[in-house]
């Protein structure tokens, strides 16, 4: 699945775009299937806005966004559901867990809907990321780092051709980043998937095919 971004300008940033030396806003770019793209986004340039536009959470923009045949500017609700269920997954900056569900229940909501990863495999991923012992803890009682690891695993519990990541490791220390990167790399390679990671600072978490400045 190919991503096309054609002269996209978020309405809230319209008066500021000319101040940025952006390689994305108001540009015409194509990101090919399987690419691993890092987007460096200084504070205030619309990092989370971009992720939400690509995932179809916002439509307050000029220009066009295409995921192959899916035109995000005119997508129907049923098409958007299909796109998210089969082709796009996302790790939100604010995690978006259900606070009154346990860590495991948050994962089970996604796992049972998609039915692509076994219960045993999901449990193994929790152990790999060091949160196996938090299985039955309510999400609201978890530390930010623990919540982030649950959110990472949840995003991997579905089929996808693209994984979108908005500051996915902001609450993790070096050791836990290394574990999370290894798991994400393994699953994306298994799926022959691409990834788009947006963050404030430059990094080399993955073997990026290109780096862009937002």
C-alpha atoms as a PDB file:
ATOM      1  CA  UNK A   1       0.000   0.000   0.000  1.00  0.00           C
ATOM      2  CA  UNK A   2       1.447   3.307  -1.144  1.00  0.00           C
ATOM      3  CA  UNK A   3       1.014   6.591   0.720  1.00  0.00           C
ATOM      4  CA  UNK A   4       0.558   9.808  -1.228  1.00  0.00           C
ATOM      5  CA  UNK A   5       0.539  13.213   0.456  1.00  0.00           C
ATOM      6  CA  UNK A   6      -0.410  16.014  -1.932  1.00  0.00           C
ATOM      7  CA  UNK A   7       0.084  19.577  -0.704  1.00  0.00           C
ATOM      8  CA  UNK A   8      -1.495  18.899   2.666  1.00  0.00           C
ATOM      9  CA  UNK A   9      -1.860  21.877   4.985  1.00  0.00           C
ATOM     10  CA  UNK A  10      -3.675  21.517   8.329  1.00  0.00           C
ATOM     11  CA  UNK A  11      -6.155  24.369   8.741  1.00  0.00           C
ATOM     12  CA  UNK A  12      -4.947  25.226  12.294  1.00  0.00           C
ATOM     13  CA  UNK A  13      -1.369  25.595  10.988  1.00  0.00           C
ATOM     14  CA  UNK A  14      -2.247  27.365   7.743  1.00  0.00           C
ATOM     15  CA  UNK A  15      -0.931  30.771   8.822  1.00  0.00           C
ATOM     16  CA  UNK A  16       2.318  29.283  10.162  1.00  0.00           C
ATOM     17  CA  UNK A  17       3.327  26.860   7.399  1.00  0.00           C
ATOM     18  CA  UNK A  18       5.515  29.393   5.620  1.00  0.00           C
ATOM     19  CA  UNK A  19       7.588  29.720   8.799  1.00  0.00           C
ATOM     20  CA  UNK A  20       8.540  26.039   8.648  1.00  0.00           C
ATOM     21  CA  UNK A  21      11.106  24.441   6.388  1.00  0.00           C
ATOM     22  CA  UNK A  22       8.857  21.416   6.125  1.00  0.00           C
ATOM     23  CA  UNK A  23       9.528  18.506   3.797  1.00  0.00           C
ATOM     24  CA  UNK A  24       5.941  17.313   4.236  1.00  0.00           C
ATOM     25  CA  UNK A  25       3.476  20.161   4.732  1.00  0.00           C
ATOM     26  CA  UNK A  26       2.398  21.652   1.403  1.00  0.00           C
ATOM     27  CA  UNK A  27       4.699  19.245  -0.454  1.00  0.00           C
ATOM     28  CA  UNK A  28       3.966  16.443  -2.898  1.00  0.00           C
ATOM     29  CA  UNK A  29       5.529  13.199  -1.625  1.00  0.00           C
ATOM     30  CA  UNK A  30       5.082   9.462  -2.121  1.00  0.00           C
ATOM     31  CA  UNK A  31       6.052   6.833   0.434  1.00  0.00           C
ATOM     32  CA  UNK A  32       6.332   3.360  -1.053  1.00  0.00           C
ATOM     33  CA  UNK A  33       5.183   0.048   0.461  1.00  0.00           C
ATOM     34  CA  UNK A  34       7.554  -1.343   3.066  1.00  0.00           C
ATOM     35  CA  UNK A  35       9.489   1.869   3.645  1.00  0.00           C
ATOM     36  CA  UNK A  36      10.708   2.745   7.129  1.00  0.00           C
ATOM     37  CA  UNK A  37      10.352   6.485   7.494  1.00  0.00           C
ATOM     38  CA  UNK A  38      11.416   8.732  10.359  1.00  0.00           C
ATOM     39  CA  UNK A  39       9.784  12.126  10.660  1.00  0.00           C
ATOM     40  CA  UNK A  40      11.595  14.575  12.890  1.00  0.00           C
ATOM     41  CA  UNK A  41       9.063  17.060  14.172  1.00  0.00           C
ATOM     42  CA  UNK A  42      10.184  19.984  16.321  1.00  0.00           C
ATOM     43  CA  UNK A  43       7.629  21.041  18.913  1.00  0.00           C
ATOM     44  CA  UNK A  44       4.655  22.889  17.449  1.00  0.00           C
ATOM     45  CA  UNK A  45       5.041  21.705  13.852  1.00  0.00           C
ATOM     46  CA  UNK A  46       2.070  19.310  13.935  1.00  0.00           C
ATOM     47  CA  UNK A  47       3.544  15.882  14.620  1.00  0.00           C
ATOM     48  CA  UNK A  48       0.468  14.431  16.280  1.00  0.00           C
ATOM     49  CA  UNK A  49      -1.766  16.230  13.791  1.00  0.00           C
ATOM     50  CA  UNK A  50       0.026  14.439  10.946  1.00  0.00           C
ATOM     51  CA  UNK A  51      -0.380  11.045  12.600  1.00  0.00           C
ATOM     52  CA  UNK A  52      -4.083  11.700  13.154  1.00  0.00           C
ATOM     53  CA  UNK A  53      -4.553  12.807   9.546  1.00  0.00           C
ATOM     54  CA  UNK A  54      -2.862   9.660   8.249  1.00  0.00           C
ATOM     55  CA  UNK A  55      -5.051   7.504  10.505  1.00  0.00           C
ATOM     56  CA  UNK A  56      -8.221   9.323   9.536  1.00  0.00           C
ATOM     57  CA  UNK A  57      -8.981  10.896  12.903  1.00  0.00           C
ATOM     58  CA  UNK A  58      -9.032  14.430  11.520  1.00  0.00           C
ATOM     59  CA  UNK A  59     -10.150  15.991   8.260  1.00  0.00           C
ATOM     60  CA  UNK A  60      -9.450  19.683   8.947  1.00  0.00           C
ATOM     61  CA  UNK A  61      -6.876  20.111   6.208  1.00  0.00           C
ATOM     62  CA  UNK A  62      -6.378  21.208   2.623  1.00  0.00           C
ATOM     63  CA  UNK A  63      -4.796  18.909   0.044  1.00  0.00           C
ATOM     64  CA  UNK A  64      -5.099  15.151  -0.396  1.00  0.00           C
ATOM     65  CA  UNK A  65      -3.963  12.017   1.411  1.00  0.00           C
ATOM     66  CA  UNK A  66      -4.159   8.629  -0.324  1.00  0.00           C
ATOM     67  CA  UNK A  67      -3.428   5.163   0.982  1.00  0.00           C
ATOM     68  CA  UNK A  68      -3.385   3.501  -2.445  1.00  0.00           C
ATOM     69  CA  UNK A  69      -7.064   3.449  -3.487  1.00  0.00           C
ATOM     70  CA  UNK A  70      -8.255   4.892  -0.186  1.00  0.00           C
ATOM     71  CA  UNK A  71      -8.787   8.643  -0.562  1.00  0.00           C
ATOM     72  CA  UNK A  72      -8.752  10.008   2.996  1.00  0.00           C
ATOM     73  CA  UNK A  73     -10.418  13.246   1.947  1.00  0.00           C
ATOM     74  CA  UNK A  74     -13.530  11.405   0.785  1.00  0.00           C
ATOM     75  CA  UNK A  75     -13.383   8.097   2.638  1.00  0.00           C
ATOM     76  CA  UNK A  76     -16.628   6.506   3.822  1.00  0.00           C
ATOM     77  CA  UNK A  77     -16.913   5.209   7.411  1.00  0.00           C
ATOM     78  CA  UNK A  78     -17.018   1.573   6.300  1.00  0.00           C
ATOM     79  CA  UNK A  79     -13.906   2.076   4.160  1.00  0.00           C
ATOM     80  CA  UNK A  80     -12.086   3.723   7.045  1.00  0.00           C
ATOM     81  CA  UNK A  81     -12.960   0.790   9.297  1.00  0.00           C
ATOM     82  CA  UNK A  82     -11.628  -1.627   6.693  1.00  0.00           C
ATOM     83  CA  UNK A  83      -8.433   0.402   6.295  1.00  0.00           C
ATOM     84  CA  UNK A  84      -7.759   0.397  10.033  1.00  0.00           C
ATOM     85  CA  UNK A  85      -8.700  -3.254  10.528  1.00  0.00           C
ATOM     86  CA  UNK A  86      -6.524  -4.642   7.756  1.00  0.00           C
ATOM     87  CA  UNK A  87      -3.841  -2.167   6.724  1.00  0.00           C
ATOM     88  CA  UNK A  88      -3.085   0.515   9.341  1.00  0.00           C
ATOM     89  CA  UNK A  89      -2.122   0.220  12.976  1.00  0.00           C
ATOM     90  CA  UNK A  90      -1.050   3.012  15.291  1.00  0.00           C
ATOM     91  CA  UNK A  91       0.740   3.661  18.568  1.00  0.00           C
ATOM     92  CA  UNK A  92      -0.745   6.864  19.954  1.00  0.00           C
ATOM     93  CA  UNK A  93       1.358   9.312  21.915  1.00  0.00           C
ATOM     94  CA  UNK A  94      -1.286   9.378  24.664  1.00  0.00           C
ATOM     95  CA  UNK A  95      -1.681   5.562  24.595  1.00  0.00           C
ATOM     96  CA  UNK A  96      -5.529   5.644  24.687  1.00  0.00           C
ATOM     97  CA  UNK A  97      -5.948   2.611  26.906  1.00  0.00           C
ATOM     98  CA  UNK A  98      -9.213   1.835  28.643  1.00  0.00           C
ATOM     99  CA  UNK A  99      -8.355   2.898  32.219  1.00  0.00           C
ATOM    100  CA  UNK A 100     -10.878   0.661  33.980  1.00  0.00           C
ATOM    101  CA  UNK A 101      -9.753  -2.465  32.122  1.00  0.00           C
ATOM    102  CA  UNK A 102      -6.697  -4.493  33.060  1.00  0.00           C
ATOM    103  CA  UNK A 103      -3.580  -4.529  30.923  1.00  0.00           C
ATOM    104  CA  UNK A 104      -4.599  -7.924  29.570  1.00  0.00           C
ATOM    105  CA  UNK A 105      -8.191  -6.867  28.915  1.00  0.00           C
ATOM    106  CA  UNK A 106      -6.931  -3.889  26.899  1.00  0.00           C
ATOM    107  CA  UNK A 107      -5.000  -6.321  24.733  1.00  0.00           C
ATOM    108  CA  UNK A 108      -7.838  -8.820  24.507  1.00  0.00           C
ATOM    109  CA  UNK A 109     -10.205  -6.215  23.063  1.00  0.00           C
ATOM    110  CA  UNK A 110      -7.908  -5.895  20.040  1.00  0.00           C
ATOM    111  CA  UNK A 111      -6.764  -9.528  19.899  1.00  0.00           C
ATOM    112  CA  UNK A 112     -10.272 -10.978  19.815  1.00  0.00           C
ATOM    113  CA  UNK A 113     -11.446  -8.469  17.226  1.00  0.00           C
ATOM    114  CA  UNK A 114      -8.611  -9.287  14.841  1.00  0.00           C
ATOM    115  CA  UNK A 115      -7.973 -12.945  15.741  1.00  0.00           C
ATOM    116  CA  UNK A 116      -4.511 -12.926  14.168  1.00  0.00           C
ATOM    117  CA  UNK A 117      -2.286 -13.434  17.241  1.00  0.00           C
ATOM    118  CA  UNK A 118      -2.759 -16.271  19.720  1.00  0.00           C
ATOM    119  CA  UNK A 119      -3.272 -15.694  23.421  1.00  0.00           C
ATOM    120  CA  UNK A 120       0.013 -17.477  24.085  1.00  0.00           C
ATOM    121  CA  UNK A 121       1.898 -15.198  21.697  1.00  0.00           C
ATOM    122  CA  UNK A 122       0.409 -12.083  23.288  1.00  0.00           C
ATOM    123  CA  UNK A 123       1.434 -13.346  26.713  1.00  0.00           C
ATOM    124  CA  UNK A 124       4.963 -13.954  25.427  1.00  0.00           C
ATOM    125  CA  UNK A 125       5.127 -10.373  24.142  1.00  0.00           C
ATOM    126  CA  UNK A 126       4.109  -9.061  27.565  1.00  0.00           C
ATOM    127  CA  UNK A 127       6.915 -11.069  29.137  1.00  0.00           C
ATOM    128  CA  UNK A 128       9.409  -9.859  26.529  1.00  0.00           C
ATOM    129  CA  UNK A 129       8.567  -6.240  27.313  1.00  0.00           C
ATOM    130  CA  UNK A 130       8.707  -6.809  31.059  1.00  0.00           C
ATOM    131  CA  UNK A 131       5.024  -6.330  31.876  1.00  0.00           C
ATOM    132  CA  UNK A 132       3.899  -9.938  32.274  1.00  0.00           C
ATOM    133  CA  UNK A 133       3.481  -9.385  36.002  1.00  0.00           C
ATOM    134  CA  UNK A 134       1.118  -6.482  35.279  1.00  0.00           C
ATOM    135  CA  UNK A 135      -1.357  -8.628  33.355  1.00  0.00           C
ATOM    136  CA  UNK A 136      -4.194  -8.190  35.862  1.00  0.00           C
ATOM    137  CA  UNK A 137      -3.428  -4.586  36.893  1.00  0.00           C
ATOM    138  CA  UNK A 138      -5.878  -1.886  35.901  1.00  0.00           C
ATOM    139  CA  UNK A 139      -4.473   0.302  33.147  1.00  0.00           C
ATOM    140  CA  UNK A 140      -4.991   3.442  35.247  1.00  0.00           C
ATOM    141  CA  UNK A 141      -2.659   2.051  37.919  1.00  0.00           C
ATOM    142  CA  UNK A 142       0.210   1.393  35.504  1.00  0.00           C
ATOM    143  CA  UNK A 143       3.150   3.734  35.128  1.00  0.00           C
ATOM    144  CA  UNK A 144       3.416   5.669  31.874  1.00  0.00           C
ATOM    145  CA  UNK A 145       6.175   3.335  30.746  1.00  0.00           C
ATOM    146  CA  UNK A 146       4.045   0.264  31.457  1.00  0.00           C
ATOM    147  CA  UNK A 147       1.064   1.816  29.672  1.00  0.00           C
ATOM    148  CA  UNK A 148       3.259   2.573  26.688  1.00  0.00           C
ATOM    149  CA  UNK A 149       4.384  -1.035  26.459  1.00  0.00           C
ATOM    150  CA  UNK A 150       0.764  -2.223  26.566  1.00  0.00           C
ATOM    151  CA  UNK A 151      -0.048   0.246  23.774  1.00  0.00           C
ATOM    152  CA  UNK A 152       2.871  -1.049  21.689  1.00  0.00           C
ATOM    153  CA  UNK A 153       1.742  -4.661  22.026  1.00  0.00           C
ATOM    154  CA  UNK A 154      -1.870  -3.718  21.271  1.00  0.00           C
ATOM    155  CA  UNK A 155      -0.826  -2.109  17.991  1.00  0.00           C
ATOM    156  CA  UNK A 156       0.882  -5.336  16.933  1.00  0.00           C
ATOM    157  CA  UNK A 157      -2.164  -7.528  17.585  1.00  0.00           C
ATOM    158  CA  UNK A 158      -3.669  -7.024  14.143  1.00  0.00           C
ATOM    159  CA  UNK A 159      -2.770  -7.382  10.483  1.00  0.00           C
ATOM    160  CA  UNK A 160      -1.188  -4.247   9.043  1.00  0.00           C
ATOM    161  CA  UNK A 161       0.837  -3.011   6.107  1.00  0.00           C
ATOM    162  CA  UNK A 162       1.793   0.209   7.885  1.00  0.00           C
ATOM    163  CA  UNK A 163       2.551   0.941  11.520  1.00  0.00           C
ATOM    164  CA  UNK A 164       2.210   4.582  12.565  1.00  0.00           C
ATOM    165  CA  UNK A 165       4.076   5.610  15.718  1.00  0.00           C
ATOM    166  CA  UNK A 166       3.799   8.929  17.562  1.00  0.00           C
ATOM    167  CA  UNK A 167       6.661   9.209  20.094  1.00  0.00           C
ATOM    168  CA  UNK A 168       6.278   5.482  20.879  1.00  0.00           C
ATOM    169  CA  UNK A 169       9.192   5.259  23.320  1.00  0.00           C
ATOM    170  CA  UNK A 170       8.930   8.588  25.147  1.00  0.00           C
ATOM    171  CA  UNK A 171       8.382   6.968  28.562  1.00  0.00           C
ATOM    172  CA  UNK A 172      10.868   4.101  28.211  1.00  0.00           C
ATOM    173  CA  UNK A 173      14.466   3.822  29.336  1.00  0.00           C
ATOM    174  CA  UNK A 174      17.217   2.574  27.031  1.00  0.00           C
ATOM    175  CA  UNK A 175      16.859  -1.098  27.986  1.00  0.00           C
ATOM    176  CA  UNK A 176      13.105  -1.133  27.436  1.00  0.00           C
ATOM    177  CA  UNK A 177      13.392   0.823  24.183  1.00  0.00           C
ATOM    178  CA  UNK A 178      15.759  -1.855  22.916  1.00  0.00           C
ATOM    179  CA  UNK A 179      13.241  -4.610  23.760  1.00  0.00           C
ATOM    180  CA  UNK A 180      10.338  -2.734  22.185  1.00  0.00           C
ATOM    181  CA  UNK A 181      12.275  -1.930  19.006  1.00  0.00           C
ATOM    182  CA  UNK A 182      13.258  -5.593  18.635  1.00  0.00           C
ATOM    183  CA  UNK A 183       9.635  -6.723  18.927  1.00  0.00           C
ATOM    184  CA  UNK A 184       8.337  -4.088  16.522  1.00  0.00           C
ATOM    185  CA  UNK A 185      11.066  -4.900  14.016  1.00  0.00           C
ATOM    186  CA  UNK A 186      10.255  -8.608  14.234  1.00  0.00           C
ATOM    187  CA  UNK A 187       6.513  -8.153  13.696  1.00  0.00           C
ATOM    188  CA  UNK A 188       6.837  -5.590  10.897  1.00  0.00           C
ATOM    189  CA  UNK A 189       9.263  -7.871   9.066  1.00  0.00           C
ATOM    190  CA  UNK A 190       6.882 -10.802   9.475  1.00  0.00           C
ATOM    191  CA  UNK A 191       4.102  -8.676   7.976  1.00  0.00           C
ATOM    192  CA  UNK A 192       6.373  -7.212   5.272  1.00  0.00           C
ATOM    193  CA  UNK A 193       5.074  -3.909   6.596  1.00  0.00           C
ATOM    194  CA  UNK A 194       6.341  -0.370   6.497  1.00  0.00           C
ATOM    195  CA  UNK A 195       6.497   2.038   9.394  1.00  0.00           C
ATOM    196  CA  UNK A 196       6.316   5.773   9.958  1.00  0.00           C
ATOM    197  CA  UNK A 197       7.734   7.041  13.238  1.00  0.00           C
ATOM    198  CA  UNK A 198       7.412  10.670  14.300  1.00  0.00           C
ATOM    199  CA  UNK A 199       9.439  12.080  17.178  1.00  0.00           C
ATOM    200  CA  UNK A 200      11.021  15.275  18.427  1.00  0.00           C
ATOM    201  CA  UNK A 201      14.637  14.146  18.286  1.00  0.00           C
ATOM    202  CA  UNK A 202      16.605  12.253  15.658  1.00  0.00           C
ATOM    203  CA  UNK A 203      17.167   8.543  16.289  1.00  0.00           C
ATOM    204  CA  UNK A 204      18.313   5.324  14.672  1.00  0.00           C
ATOM    205  CA  UNK A 205      15.845   2.899  16.231  1.00  0.00           C
ATOM    206  CA  UNK A 206      15.179   1.310  12.824  1.00  0.00           C
ATOM    207  CA  UNK A 207      16.980   1.041   9.500  1.00  0.00           C
ATOM    208  CA  UNK A 208      15.137   3.984   8.000  1.00  0.00           C
ATOM    209  CA  UNK A 209      14.841   4.247   4.238  1.00  0.00           C
ATOM    210  CA  UNK A 210      14.574   8.007   4.640  1.00  0.00           C
ATOM    211  CA  UNK A 211      14.259  10.783   7.188  1.00  0.00           C
ATOM    212  CA  UNK A 212      11.991  13.784   6.727  1.00  0.00           C
ATOM    213  CA  UNK A 213      11.671  17.072   8.574  1.00  0.00           C
ATOM    214  CA  UNK A 214       8.130  18.104   9.412  1.00  0.00           C
END
